């Protein structure tokens, strides 16, 4: 069965870009007589707010979208993510990184051969790590690409791929190779949440049986990182269907950080869901 999802983070109200993405995924599920799931990706406790989650449900209901089963709230399932982190740690694939974001940014600026070395900092020397642990310093768990490559073996490491039914930013489509080094030694668990985005999303896609990931082209680059995690964890590989990004009259894509006009504001101004659907290229039937 075709199963896809819409997975917003409750860090603000939804805008037209979100509506376009939700409608694209919902319509794909309806066309395939499949299932459309709603996931609330709220693992960031500092930015995610209950009022924004309530707003997401209100906006999607106003858009006349329906979803199968209750929405999955990631903050309710931190134990499952912790178990995935422990599985990787027990296999020796993770290392503690005490470097702050500021440290990493400085290292990128200082890196003599480009930024890749800065996001593959490697484990701290044993004595330094022991001292930092004794001091109670906060750390994140990073995935070691060197150890991952050794664990998978060269054939699997170089042979990973994914199927793209949509198109990447440069028109990439079909069966595409994975670049397992694309994200560097990516952070998989953070001090404040116990998990980071890439691990949480791949965990949930596997758990929920997602067969098709329908999302915007801004996340196309994340696919290589996520396929690497899926391969390491033995999780199935969904088909990916990246769609174009909706842009405003000024040519800039809609984004929360740019304070794009929200669906709530459009609704308050008299916009109807029928009009918005038509504007975005969707009929009531999908």
Protein backbone atom coordinates (compact mmCIF):
# COMPACT_ATOMS: atom_id res chain seq x y z
CA UNK A 1 0.00 0.00 0.00
CA UNK A 2 1.11 3.55 -0.79
CA UNK A 3 1.81 5.32 2.53
CA UNK A 4 3.09 8.86 2.80
CA UNK A 5 3.14 11.58 5.45
CA UNK A 6 3.16 15.29 6.12
CA UNK A 7 5.54 16.08 8.95
CA UNK A 8 5.59 19.73 10.05
CA UNK A 9 7.46 21.08 13.05
CA UNK A 10 5.34 23.24 15.40
CA UNK A 11 7.75 26.17 15.43
CA UNK A 12 5.31 28.62 13.84
CA UNK A 13 2.08 28.79 11.88
CA UNK A 14 1.72 27.15 8.47
CA UNK A 15 2.02 29.24 5.29
CA UNK A 16 1.24 28.64 1.61
CA UNK A 17 4.39 26.59 1.11
CA UNK A 18 3.28 24.19 3.81
CA UNK A 19 -0.20 24.02 2.28
CA UNK A 20 1.28 23.16 -1.11
CA UNK A 21 3.44 20.40 0.38
CA UNK A 22 0.58 18.95 2.45
CA UNK A 23 -1.78 19.00 -0.53
CA UNK A 24 0.85 17.38 -2.76
CA UNK A 25 1.35 14.48 -0.35
CA UNK A 26 -2.35 14.15 0.46
CA UNK A 27 -3.29 14.13 -3.24
CA UNK A 28 -0.63 11.51 -3.99
CA UNK A 29 -2.06 9.24 -1.31
CA UNK A 30 -5.63 9.73 -2.56
CA UNK A 31 -4.61 9.04 -6.17
CA UNK A 32 -2.97 5.78 -5.10
CA UNK A 33 -5.85 4.78 -2.78
CA UNK A 34 -3.22 4.84 -0.07
CA UNK A 35 -2.75 6.27 3.41
CA UNK A 36 -1.83 9.82 4.41
CA UNK A 37 -0.25 10.21 7.85
CA UNK A 38 0.32 13.31 9.96
CA UNK A 39 3.45 13.50 12.09
CA UNK A 40 4.28 16.36 14.45
CA UNK A 41 8.08 16.67 14.54
CA UNK A 42 8.45 18.44 17.88
CA UNK A 43 11.80 17.21 19.21
CA UNK A 44 13.14 20.76 19.64
CA UNK A 45 11.84 21.77 23.10
CA UNK A 46 13.01 25.37 22.79
CA UNK A 47 11.22 26.22 19.53
CA UNK A 48 8.22 23.88 19.40
CA UNK A 49 5.08 25.20 21.09
CA UNK A 50 1.70 23.55 21.84
CA UNK A 51 -0.12 26.53 20.35
CA UNK A 52 1.68 26.00 17.04
CA UNK A 53 0.71 22.31 17.04
CA UNK A 54 -2.90 23.31 17.63
CA UNK A 55 -2.56 25.78 14.76
CA UNK A 56 -1.29 23.04 12.43
CA UNK A 57 -4.33 20.89 13.15
CA UNK A 58 -6.62 23.89 12.68
CA UNK A 59 -5.03 24.86 9.36
CA UNK A 60 -5.08 21.34 7.91
CA UNK A 61 -8.70 20.87 8.93
CA UNK A 62 -9.54 24.21 7.31
CA UNK A 63 -7.82 22.97 4.13
CA UNK A 64 -10.23 20.00 4.29
CA UNK A 65 -7.43 17.47 4.57
CA UNK A 66 -7.92 14.23 6.45
CA UNK A 67 -5.31 11.80 7.72
CA UNK A 68 -5.27 8.17 8.78
CA UNK A 69 -5.16 7.52 12.50
CA UNK A 70 -4.01 9.94 15.18
CA UNK A 71 -1.10 12.26 14.50
CA UNK A 72 2.23 10.91 15.78
CA UNK A 73 3.90 13.37 18.13
CA UNK A 74 7.64 12.70 18.24
CA UNK A 75 8.06 14.05 21.77
CA UNK A 76 5.87 11.15 22.97
CA UNK A 77 8.32 8.57 21.64
CA UNK A 78 11.76 9.64 22.87
CA UNK A 79 12.39 6.16 24.29
CA UNK A 80 12.25 4.62 20.82
CA UNK A 81 14.80 7.09 19.50
CA UNK A 82 17.04 6.49 22.53
CA UNK A 83 17.02 2.77 21.73
CA UNK A 84 18.10 3.48 18.13
CA UNK A 85 20.92 5.73 19.37
CA UNK A 86 22.04 3.03 21.82
CA UNK A 87 22.03 0.43 19.02
CA UNK A 88 24.40 2.54 16.95
CA UNK A 89 26.54 3.43 19.96
CA UNK A 90 26.87 -0.22 21.00
CA UNK A 91 28.17 -1.03 17.51
CA UNK A 92 30.86 1.61 17.90
CA UNK A 93 29.43 3.84 15.15
CA UNK A 94 29.00 6.98 17.27
CA UNK A 95 31.40 9.19 19.15
CA UNK A 96 30.95 11.96 21.69
CA UNK A 97 31.48 15.47 20.37
CA UNK A 98 31.79 18.28 22.90
CA UNK A 99 32.29 20.97 20.26
CA UNK A 100 29.67 23.72 20.16
CA UNK A 101 28.06 25.09 17.03
CA UNK A 102 30.34 28.10 17.42
CA UNK A 103 33.39 25.80 17.52
CA UNK A 104 32.27 24.05 14.33
CA UNK A 105 31.62 27.32 12.52
CA UNK A 106 35.08 28.57 13.50
CA UNK A 107 36.62 25.33 12.29
CA UNK A 108 34.85 25.68 8.95
CA UNK A 109 36.39 29.10 8.57
CA UNK A 110 39.82 27.76 9.48
CA UNK A 111 39.64 24.51 7.48
CA UNK A 112 42.53 24.49 4.98
CA UNK A 113 40.83 22.08 2.57
CA UNK A 114 37.25 23.26 2.77
CA UNK A 115 34.38 22.65 5.14
CA UNK A 116 34.19 18.84 4.99
CA UNK A 117 37.04 18.35 7.46
CA UNK A 118 35.25 20.66 9.89
CA UNK A 119 32.10 18.54 9.95
CA UNK A 120 34.15 15.37 10.32
CA UNK A 121 35.99 16.44 13.46
CA UNK A 122 36.48 12.91 14.76
CA UNK A 123 36.58 11.75 18.37
CA UNK A 124 38.34 13.82 21.00
CA UNK A 125 41.64 12.43 22.32
CA UNK A 126 40.92 9.99 25.15
CA UNK A 127 42.39 12.20 27.88
CA UNK A 128 40.48 15.24 26.66
CA UNK A 129 37.22 13.29 26.48
CA UNK A 130 37.72 11.91 30.00
CA UNK A 131 38.37 15.41 31.34
CA UNK A 132 35.31 16.87 29.63
CA UNK A 133 33.13 14.05 30.91
CA UNK A 134 34.45 14.55 34.43
CA UNK A 135 33.66 18.26 34.14
CA UNK A 136 30.07 17.45 33.15
CA UNK A 137 30.40 19.13 29.77
CA UNK A 138 27.48 18.66 27.36
CA UNK A 139 28.05 16.59 24.24
CA UNK A 140 26.29 15.28 21.13
CA UNK A 141 26.62 11.86 19.54
CA UNK A 142 28.06 12.04 16.01
CA UNK A 143 28.01 9.27 13.42
CA UNK A 144 31.55 8.30 12.42
CA UNK A 145 31.72 7.96 8.65
CA UNK A 146 34.97 6.05 8.94
CA UNK A 147 33.41 3.46 11.23
CA UNK A 148 30.20 3.33 9.17
CA UNK A 149 32.19 2.61 6.02
CA UNK A 150 34.09 -0.16 7.76
CA UNK A 151 30.88 -1.66 9.17
CA UNK A 152 29.06 -1.70 5.81
CA UNK A 153 31.96 -2.75 3.63
CA UNK A 154 33.08 -1.14 0.41
CA UNK A 155 30.49 -2.79 -1.85
CA UNK A 156 27.51 -1.52 0.13
CA UNK A 157 29.18 1.84 0.91
CA UNK A 158 29.69 2.66 -2.76
CA UNK A 159 26.51 1.00 -4.02
CA UNK A 160 23.78 2.78 -2.04
CA UNK A 161 21.08 4.49 -4.09
CA UNK A 162 17.53 5.79 -3.92
CA UNK A 163 14.63 6.10 -6.31
CA UNK A 164 13.48 9.64 -7.09
CA UNK A 165 10.04 9.87 -8.66
CA UNK A 166 9.95 13.64 -8.50
CA UNK A 167 12.97 15.80 -9.21
CA UNK A 168 15.87 17.30 -7.31
CA UNK A 169 16.81 20.99 -7.57
CA UNK A 170 18.81 20.27 -10.73
CA UNK A 171 16.26 17.92 -12.25
CA UNK A 172 17.76 14.73 -10.80
CA UNK A 173 15.34 11.82 -11.17
CA UNK A 174 15.25 8.06 -11.47
CA UNK A 175 17.63 5.77 -9.58
CA UNK A 176 20.25 8.06 -8.05
CA UNK A 177 23.52 7.27 -6.25
CA UNK A 178 23.92 8.12 -2.58
CA UNK A 179 26.84 10.20 -1.40
CA UNK A 180 27.30 8.81 2.12
CA UNK A 181 29.76 11.58 3.00
CA UNK A 182 27.31 14.36 2.14
CA UNK A 183 26.44 15.22 5.76
CA UNK A 184 29.84 14.63 7.27
CA UNK A 185 29.87 13.10 10.75
CA UNK A 186 26.27 14.11 11.27
CA UNK A 187 24.85 14.65 14.76
CA UNK A 188 22.29 11.93 15.59
CA UNK A 189 21.58 12.80 19.20
CA UNK A 190 21.60 16.17 20.94
CA UNK A 191 22.02 17.05 24.58
CA UNK A 192 18.58 18.65 24.92
CA UNK A 193 16.41 16.08 23.13
CA UNK A 194 18.34 12.81 22.99
CA UNK A 195 17.80 12.61 19.23
CA UNK A 196 18.36 14.77 16.17
CA UNK A 197 16.28 15.23 13.02
CA UNK A 198 17.86 12.69 10.65
CA UNK A 199 17.59 9.76 13.04
CA UNK A 200 14.10 10.65 14.27
CA UNK A 201 12.66 10.99 10.76
CA UNK A 202 14.18 7.77 9.40
CA UNK A 203 13.12 5.90 12.54
CA UNK A 204 9.52 7.07 12.15
CA UNK A 205 9.36 6.44 8.41
CA UNK A 206 10.43 2.84 9.05
CA UNK A 207 8.14 2.36 12.04
CA UNK A 208 5.12 3.81 10.26
CA UNK A 209 5.71 1.87 7.05
CA UNK A 210 6.13 4.96 4.89
CA UNK A 211 6.61 3.81 1.30
CA UNK A 212 6.85 7.24 -0.34
CA UNK A 213 8.44 10.37 1.09
CA UNK A 214 6.77 13.34 -0.59
CA UNK A 215 8.48 16.60 0.37
CA UNK A 216 10.05 19.80 -0.92
CA UNK A 217 13.29 20.05 -2.87
CA UNK A 218 14.89 21.89 0.06
CA UNK A 219 15.23 18.46 1.70
CA UNK A 220 16.66 16.70 -1.36
CA UNK A 221 20.22 16.97 -0.02
CA UNK A 222 19.15 15.25 3.21
CA UNK A 223 18.29 12.06 1.32
CA UNK A 224 21.87 10.75 1.20
CA UNK A 225 22.28 11.13 4.96
CA UNK A 226 18.96 9.43 5.61
CA UNK A 227 19.67 6.56 3.22
CA UNK A 228 22.95 5.95 5.04
CA UNK A 229 21.12 5.74 8.38
CA UNK A 230 18.48 3.43 6.90
CA UNK A 231 21.19 1.14 5.57
CA UNK A 232 23.06 1.04 8.89
CA UNK A 233 19.87 0.30 10.80
CA UNK A 234 18.48 -2.23 8.30
CA UNK A 235 15.41 -0.08 7.70
CA UNK A 236 13.60 -0.18 4.33
CA UNK A 237 14.25 2.49 1.74
CA UNK A 238 11.16 4.48 0.76
CA UNK A 239 10.70 5.96 -2.69
CA UNK A 240 11.32 9.71 -2.71
CA UNK A 241 9.21 12.25 -4.55
CA UNK A 242 10.59 15.77 -4.12
CA UNK A 243 8.43 18.61 -5.36
CA UNK A 244 9.12 22.19 -6.35
CA UNK A 245 9.17 24.91 -3.73
CA UNK A 246 6.40 27.44 -3.77
CA UNK A 247 7.59 31.04 -4.11
CA UNK A 248 5.90 34.32 -3.37
CA UNK A 249 5.45 37.31 -5.70
CA UNK A 250 9.00 38.44 -4.89
CA UNK A 251 10.41 35.14 -6.14
CA UNK A 252 11.54 34.01 -2.69
CA UNK A 253 10.26 30.69 -1.38
CA UNK A 254 7.86 30.80 1.50
CA UNK A 255 9.60 30.29 4.84
CA UNK A 256 8.77 30.78 8.51
CA UNK A 257 11.96 32.73 9.12
CA UNK A 258 10.89 35.31 6.53
CA UNK A 259 7.56 35.76 8.32
CA UNK A 260 5.61 34.59 5.28
CA UNK A 261 1.88 35.25 5.39
CA UNK A 262 0.29 32.42 7.34
CA UNK A 263 -2.81 30.41 6.51
CA UNK A 264 -4.42 31.86 9.64
CA UNK A 265 -3.84 35.37 8.29
CA UNK A 266 -5.23 34.40 4.89
CA UNK A 267 -8.27 32.89 6.56
CA UNK A 268 -8.80 36.02 8.67
CA UNK A 269 -8.65 38.05 5.46
CA UNK A 270 -11.53 36.11 3.92
CA UNK A 271 -9.63 33.47 1.95
CA UNK A 272 -11.59 30.23 1.53
CA UNK A 273 -10.00 26.77 1.25
CA UNK A 274 -11.51 26.37 -2.22
CA UNK A 275 -9.84 29.53 -3.46
CA UNK A 276 -6.48 28.61 -1.93
CA UNK A 277 -6.63 25.10 -3.36
CA UNK A 278 -7.34 26.49 -6.81
CA UNK A 279 -4.53 29.01 -6.45
CA UNK A 280 -2.12 26.19 -5.56
CA UNK A 281 -3.36 24.01 -8.42
CA UNK A 282 -5.52 21.53 -6.52
CA UNK A 283 -9.19 20.77 -6.89
CA UNK A 284 -11.30 19.56 -3.99
CA UNK A 285 -10.88 16.03 -5.20
CA UNK A 286 -7.10 16.35 -5.07
